[in-house]
Amino acid sequence: MAKKIVDENGNTYVQKKPFYKRVWFWILAIIVIFIIIGSSSSSKDTKSSENSASSSKTNKQTKESSSIESKPKVSAEYTAALNKANTYASVMSMSKAAIYQQLTSDAGEKFPVDAAQYAIDNVKADYNKNALSKAKTYQKQMSMSTDAIKEQLISDSGEKFTQEEADYAIQHLNN
């Protein structure tokens, strides 16, 4: 909200919030972060596919001689859901339940439940670490008590971490 200031002559002035304290600034910043992450992960995918193409030529004989089965190919939608899940887990420190909800939500990514479940089953995340990161954010930026932080971490309308993950976060909060 804008703050009204009255000077000694009775003139009223409105002091507005700095731009970095406004909601639109943070929404724009999050969008920019996602765009940067998305473009960097796609360039990494391109580089890794080029590297894998050259290494597959040299290892083709080795693979043919051994009877090791490779992972089955998954659809592009499953891969996209997994990439989003990895981003949510690593950048936003989200819980497993919150990631799943974001992937399947009509207000979120709108992935089918089978693609979202594949992503959840294959995402590489340390949910204890994510819960601790969220807890530290609540403690530092919002000056919340440990009981309030724990409730926020496990709440269905909050972060949706498990009780064990929230306990880990609270236990290691001041380390």
C-alpha atoms as a PDB file:
ATOM      1  CA  MET A   1       0.000   0.000   0.000  1.00  0.00           C
ATOM      2  CA  ALA A   2       1.065   3.541  -0.603  1.00  0.00           C
ATOM      3  CA  LYS A   3       2.069   5.618   2.437  1.00  0.00           C
ATOM      4  CA  LYS A   4       0.701   9.158   2.739  1.00  0.00           C
ATOM      5  CA  ILE A   5       3.104  11.799   3.972  1.00  0.00           C
ATOM      6  CA  VAL A   6       2.071  15.294   5.014  1.00  0.00           C
ATOM      7  CA  ASP A   7       4.752  18.019   5.064  1.00  0.00           C
ATOM      8  CA  GLU A   8       4.865  21.047   7.372  1.00  0.00           C
ATOM      9  CA  ASN A   9       2.836  23.148   4.864  1.00  0.00           C
ATOM     10  CA  GLY A  10      -0.033  20.641   4.831  1.00  0.00           C
ATOM     11  CA  ASN A  11       0.759  19.210   1.391  1.00  0.00           C
ATOM     12  CA  THR A  12       0.042  15.493   1.068  1.00  0.00           C
ATOM     13  CA  TYR A  13       2.399  13.224  -0.847  1.00  0.00           C
ATOM     14  CA  VAL A  14       2.104   9.531  -1.595  1.00  0.00           C
ATOM     15  CA  GLN A  15       5.179   7.406  -1.032  1.00  0.00           C
ATOM     16  CA  LYS A  16       4.956   4.232  -3.102  1.00  0.00           C
ATOM     17  CA  LYS A  17       6.679   0.913  -2.436  1.00  0.00           C
ATOM     18  CA  PRO A  18       9.982   0.368  -4.204  1.00  0.00           C
ATOM     19  CA  PHE A  19       9.569  -1.737  -7.358  1.00  0.00           C
ATOM     20  CA  TYR A  20      11.363  -4.742  -5.847  1.00  0.00           C
ATOM     21  CA  LYS A  21       8.719  -4.991  -3.118  1.00  0.00           C
ATOM     22  CA  ARG A  22       5.837  -5.223  -5.566  1.00  0.00           C
ATOM     23  CA  VAL A  23       4.139  -8.449  -6.592  1.00  0.00           C
ATOM     24  CA  TRP A  24       4.499  -7.846 -10.326  1.00  0.00           C
ATOM     25  CA  PHE A  25       8.274  -7.569  -9.970  1.00  0.00           C
ATOM     26  CA  TRP A  26       8.558 -10.992  -8.297  1.00  0.00           C
ATOM     27  CA  ILE A  27       6.235 -12.642 -10.819  1.00  0.00           C
ATOM     28  CA  LEU A  28       8.320 -11.209 -13.640  1.00  0.00           C
ATOM     29  CA  ALA A  29      11.545 -12.335 -11.924  1.00  0.00           C
ATOM     30  CA  ILE A  30      10.240 -15.906 -11.567  1.00  0.00           C
ATOM     31  CA  ILE A  31       9.194 -15.989 -15.223  1.00  0.00           C
ATOM     32  CA  VAL A  32      12.637 -14.765 -16.288  1.00  0.00           C
ATOM     33  CA  ILE A  33      14.308 -17.421 -14.118  1.00  0.00           C
ATOM     34  CA  PHE A  34      12.199 -20.154 -15.709  1.00  0.00           C
ATOM     35  CA  ILE A  35      13.046 -18.892 -19.186  1.00  0.00           C
ATOM     36  CA  ILE A  36      16.760 -18.874 -18.369  1.00  0.00           C
ATOM     37  CA  ILE A  37      16.605 -22.353 -16.863  1.00  0.00           C
ATOM     38  CA  GLY A  38      14.573 -23.641 -19.789  1.00  0.00           C
ATOM     39  CA  SER A  39      16.984 -22.257 -22.360  1.00  0.00           C
ATOM     40  CA  SER A  40      20.048 -23.493 -20.494  1.00  0.00           C
ATOM     41  CA  SER A  41      18.602 -26.989 -20.061  1.00  0.00           C
ATOM     42  CA  SER A  42      17.725 -27.177 -23.755  1.00  0.00           C
ATOM     43  CA  SER A  43      21.258 -26.150 -24.703  1.00  0.00           C
ATOM     44  CA  LYS A  44      22.616 -28.785 -22.304  1.00  0.00           C
ATOM     45  CA  ASP A  45      20.305 -31.342 -23.926  1.00  0.00           C
ATOM     46  CA  THR A  46      21.666 -30.391 -27.347  1.00  0.00           C
ATOM     47  CA  LYS A  47      25.267 -30.682 -26.160  1.00  0.00           C
ATOM     48  CA  SER A  48      24.618 -33.969 -24.411  1.00  0.00           C
ATOM     49  CA  SER A  49      22.875 -35.385 -27.476  1.00  0.00           C
ATOM     50  CA  GLU A  50      25.852 -34.376 -29.645  1.00  0.00           C
ATOM     51  CA  ASN A  51      28.234 -35.966 -27.165  1.00  0.00           C
ATOM     52  CA  SER A  52      26.115 -39.083 -26.920  1.00  0.00           C
ATOM     53  CA  ALA A  53      25.957 -39.350 -30.718  1.00  0.00           C
ATOM     54  CA  SER A  54      29.733 -39.330 -31.016  1.00  0.00           C
ATOM     55  CA  SER A  55      30.199 -41.651 -28.066  1.00  0.00           C
ATOM     56  CA  SER A  56      27.542 -44.017 -29.368  1.00  0.00           C
ATOM     57  CA  LYS A  57      29.533 -44.481 -32.577  1.00  0.00           C
ATOM     58  CA  THR A  58      32.632 -45.471 -30.630  1.00  0.00           C
ATOM     59  CA  ASN A  59      30.735 -47.673 -28.189  1.00  0.00           C
ATOM     60  CA  LYS A  60      28.421 -49.308 -30.715  1.00  0.00           C
ATOM     61  CA  GLN A  61      30.507 -52.448 -31.014  1.00  0.00           C
ATOM     62  CA  THR A  62      30.827 -52.728 -27.247  1.00  0.00           C
ATOM     63  CA  LYS A  63      27.077 -52.440 -26.779  1.00  0.00           C
ATOM     64  CA  GLU A  64      26.347 -54.960 -29.496  1.00  0.00           C
ATOM     65  CA  SER A  65      28.747 -57.495 -28.036  1.00  0.00           C
ATOM     66  CA  SER A  66      27.322 -57.162 -24.539  1.00  0.00           C
ATOM     67  CA  SER A  67      23.723 -58.026 -23.804  1.00  0.00           C
ATOM     68  CA  ILE A  68      23.041 -55.007 -21.586  1.00  0.00           C
ATOM     69  CA  GLU A  69      19.593 -53.626 -22.178  1.00  0.00           C
ATOM     70  CA  SER A  70      19.226 -49.851 -22.300  1.00  0.00           C
ATOM     71  CA  LYS A  71      16.378 -47.893 -20.754  1.00  0.00           C
ATOM     72  CA  PRO A  72      13.182 -47.989 -22.763  1.00  0.00           C
ATOM     73  CA  LYS A  73      12.435 -44.810 -24.637  1.00  0.00           C
ATOM     74  CA  VAL A  74       9.745 -42.607 -23.175  1.00  0.00           C
ATOM     75  CA  SER A  75       7.483 -40.138 -24.889  1.00  0.00           C
ATOM     76  CA  ALA A  76       8.368 -36.484 -25.254  1.00  0.00           C
ATOM     77  CA  GLU A  77       5.561 -35.614 -22.846  1.00  0.00           C
ATOM     78  CA  TYR A  78       7.024 -37.871 -20.139  1.00  0.00           C
ATOM     79  CA  THR A  79      10.447 -36.333 -20.699  1.00  0.00           C
ATOM     80  CA  ALA A  80       9.004 -32.814 -20.523  1.00  0.00           C
ATOM     81  CA  ALA A  81       7.195 -33.647 -17.279  1.00  0.00           C
ATOM     82  CA  LEU A  82      10.426 -35.037 -15.821  1.00  0.00           C
ATOM     83  CA  ASN A  83      12.365 -31.917 -16.849  1.00  0.00           C
ATOM     84  CA  LYS A  84       9.739 -29.695 -15.202  1.00  0.00           C
ATOM     85  CA  ALA A  85       9.779 -31.852 -12.068  1.00  0.00           C
ATOM     86  CA  ASN A  86      13.573 -31.586 -11.846  1.00  0.00           C
ATOM     87  CA  THR A  87      13.315 -27.804 -12.200  1.00  0.00           C
ATOM     88  CA  TYR A  88      10.655 -27.538  -9.495  1.00  0.00           C
ATOM     89  CA  ALA A  89      12.703 -29.749  -7.182  1.00  0.00           C
ATOM     90  CA  SER A  90      16.068 -28.062  -7.717  1.00  0.00           C
ATOM     91  CA  VAL A  91      15.170 -24.405  -8.274  1.00  0.00           C
ATOM     92  CA  MET A  92      12.044 -23.998  -6.181  1.00  0.00           C
ATOM     93  CA  SER A  93      12.785 -26.666  -3.517  1.00  0.00           C
ATOM     94  CA  MET A  94       9.294 -28.120  -3.809  1.00  0.00           C
ATOM     95  CA  SER A  95       7.976 -31.273  -2.136  1.00  0.00           C
ATOM     96  CA  LYS A  96       7.009 -34.409  -4.040  1.00  0.00           C
ATOM     97  CA  ALA A  97       3.282 -33.759  -3.509  1.00  0.00           C
ATOM     98  CA  ALA A  98       3.572 -30.107  -4.532  1.00  0.00           C
ATOM     99  CA  ILE A  99       5.483 -31.029  -7.696  1.00  0.00           C
ATOM    100  CA  TYR A 100       2.860 -33.621  -8.622  1.00  0.00           C
ATOM    101  CA  GLN A 101       0.054 -31.110  -8.054  1.00  0.00           C
ATOM    102  CA  GLN A 102       1.849 -28.466 -10.133  1.00  0.00           C
ATOM    103  CA  LEU A 103       2.421 -30.925 -12.981  1.00  0.00           C
ATOM    104  CA  THR A 104      -1.215 -32.091 -13.116  1.00  0.00           C
ATOM    105  CA  SER A 105      -3.037 -28.885 -12.191  1.00  0.00           C
ATOM    106  CA  ASP A 106      -5.187 -27.038 -14.716  1.00  0.00           C
ATOM    107  CA  ALA A 107      -3.644 -23.839 -13.341  1.00  0.00           C
ATOM    108  CA  GLY A 108      -0.177 -25.405 -13.667  1.00  0.00           C
ATOM    109  CA  GLU A 109       1.468 -27.551 -16.313  1.00  0.00           C
ATOM    110  CA  LYS A 110      -1.603 -29.670 -17.282  1.00  0.00           C
ATOM    111  CA  PHE A 111       0.355 -32.907 -17.771  1.00  0.00           C
ATOM    112  CA  PRO A 112      -1.642 -36.161 -17.764  1.00  0.00           C
ATOM    113  CA  VAL A 113      -1.453 -38.064 -14.477  1.00  0.00           C
ATOM    114  CA  ASP A 114       0.627 -40.879 -16.005  1.00  0.00           C
ATOM    115  CA  ALA A 115       3.282 -38.426 -17.250  1.00  0.00           C
ATOM    116  CA  ALA A 116       3.303 -36.646 -13.882  1.00  0.00           C
ATOM    117  CA  GLN A 117       3.632 -39.965 -12.039  1.00  0.00           C
ATOM    118  CA  TYR A 118       6.533 -40.967 -14.302  1.00  0.00           C
ATOM    119  CA  ALA A 119       8.209 -37.642 -13.497  1.00  0.00           C
ATOM    120  CA  ILE A 120       7.689 -38.073  -9.746  1.00  0.00           C
ATOM    121  CA  ASP A 121       9.028 -41.634  -9.886  1.00  0.00           C
ATOM    122  CA  ASN A 122      12.169 -40.544 -11.771  1.00  0.00           C
ATOM    123  CA  VAL A 123      12.966 -37.070 -10.444  1.00  0.00           C
ATOM    124  CA  LYS A 124      16.305 -36.774  -8.688  1.00  0.00           C
ATOM    125  CA  ALA A 125      15.560 -34.766  -5.566  1.00  0.00           C
ATOM    126  CA  ASP A 126      16.533 -34.646  -1.919  1.00  0.00           C
ATOM    127  CA  TYR A 127      13.221 -33.699  -0.327  1.00  0.00           C
ATOM    128  CA  ASN A 128      14.801 -33.356   3.135  1.00  0.00           C
ATOM    129  CA  LYS A 129      17.138 -30.734   1.666  1.00  0.00           C
ATOM    130  CA  ASN A 130      14.199 -29.021  -0.057  1.00  0.00           C
ATOM    131  CA  ALA A 131      12.211 -28.908   3.189  1.00  0.00           C
ATOM    132  CA  LEU A 132      15.216 -27.452   5.010  1.00  0.00           C
ATOM    133  CA  SER A 133      15.660 -24.819   2.307  1.00  0.00           C
ATOM    134  CA  LYS A 134      11.996 -23.774   2.573  1.00  0.00           C
ATOM    135  CA  ALA A 135      12.212 -23.736   6.386  1.00  0.00           C
ATOM    136  CA  LYS A 136      15.263 -21.471   6.315  1.00  0.00           C
ATOM    137  CA  THR A 137      13.463 -19.141   3.922  1.00  0.00           C
ATOM    138  CA  TYR A 138      10.460 -18.920   6.230  1.00  0.00           C
ATOM    139  CA  GLN A 139      12.718 -18.341   9.231  1.00  0.00           C
ATOM    140  CA  LYS A 140      14.887 -15.679   7.599  1.00  0.00           C
ATOM    141  CA  GLN A 141      12.451 -13.765   5.421  1.00  0.00           C
ATOM    142  CA  MET A 142       9.235 -14.110   7.410  1.00  0.00           C
ATOM    143  CA  SER A 143      10.590 -14.489  10.968  1.00  0.00           C
ATOM    144  CA  MET A 144       8.259 -17.417  11.626  1.00  0.00           C
ATOM    145  CA  SER A 145       8.430 -19.597  14.736  1.00  0.00           C
ATOM    146  CA  THR A 146       9.555 -23.212  14.376  1.00  0.00           C
ATOM    147  CA  ASP A 147       6.014 -24.440  15.084  1.00  0.00           C
ATOM    148  CA  ALA A 148       4.597 -22.160  12.373  1.00  0.00           C
ATOM    149  CA  ILE A 149       7.326 -23.235   9.948  1.00  0.00           C
ATOM    150  CA  LYS A 150       6.629 -26.909  10.590  1.00  0.00           C
ATOM    151  CA  GLU A 151       2.893 -26.377  10.073  1.00  0.00           C
ATOM    152  CA  GLN A 152       3.552 -24.528   6.815  1.00  0.00           C
ATOM    153  CA  LEU A 153       5.849 -27.316   5.597  1.00  0.00           C
ATOM    154  CA  ILE A 154       3.318 -30.119   6.164  1.00  0.00           C
ATOM    155  CA  SER A 155       0.126 -28.224   5.358  1.00  0.00           C
ATOM    156  CA  ASP A 156      -1.944 -29.302   2.341  1.00  0.00           C
ATOM    157  CA  SER A 157      -2.462 -25.625   1.567  1.00  0.00           C
ATOM    158  CA  GLY A 158       1.256 -24.987   2.142  1.00  0.00           C
ATOM    159  CA  GLU A 159       4.359 -26.844   1.012  1.00  0.00           C
ATOM    160  CA  LYS A 160       3.003 -30.437   1.338  1.00  0.00           C
ATOM    161  CA  PHE A 161       6.174 -32.034   2.718  1.00  0.00           C
ATOM    162  CA  THR A 162       5.873 -35.285   4.670  1.00  0.00           C
ATOM    163  CA  GLN A 163       6.025 -35.249   8.456  1.00  0.00           C
ATOM    164  CA  GLU A 164       9.494 -36.846   8.322  1.00  0.00           C
ATOM    165  CA  GLU A 165      10.814 -34.222   5.890  1.00  0.00           C
ATOM    166  CA  ALA A 166       9.418 -31.405   8.044  1.00  0.00           C
ATOM    167  CA  ASP A 167      10.939 -32.981  11.174  1.00  0.00           C
ATOM    168  CA  TYR A 168      14.314 -33.165   9.420  1.00  0.00           C
ATOM    169  CA  ALA A 169      14.047 -29.495   8.409  1.00  0.00           C
ATOM    170  CA  ILE A 170      13.158 -28.323  11.906  1.00  0.00           C
ATOM    171  CA  GLN A 171      15.894 -30.471  13.437  1.00  0.00           C
ATOM    172  CA  HIS A 172      18.553 -28.959  11.138  1.00  0.00           C
ATOM    173  CA  LEU A 173      17.126 -25.428  10.922  1.00  0.00           C
ATOM    174  CA  ASN A 174      19.803 -23.751  13.015  1.00  0.00           C
ATOM    175  CA  ASN A 175      22.788 -25.752  11.725  1.00  0.00           C
END
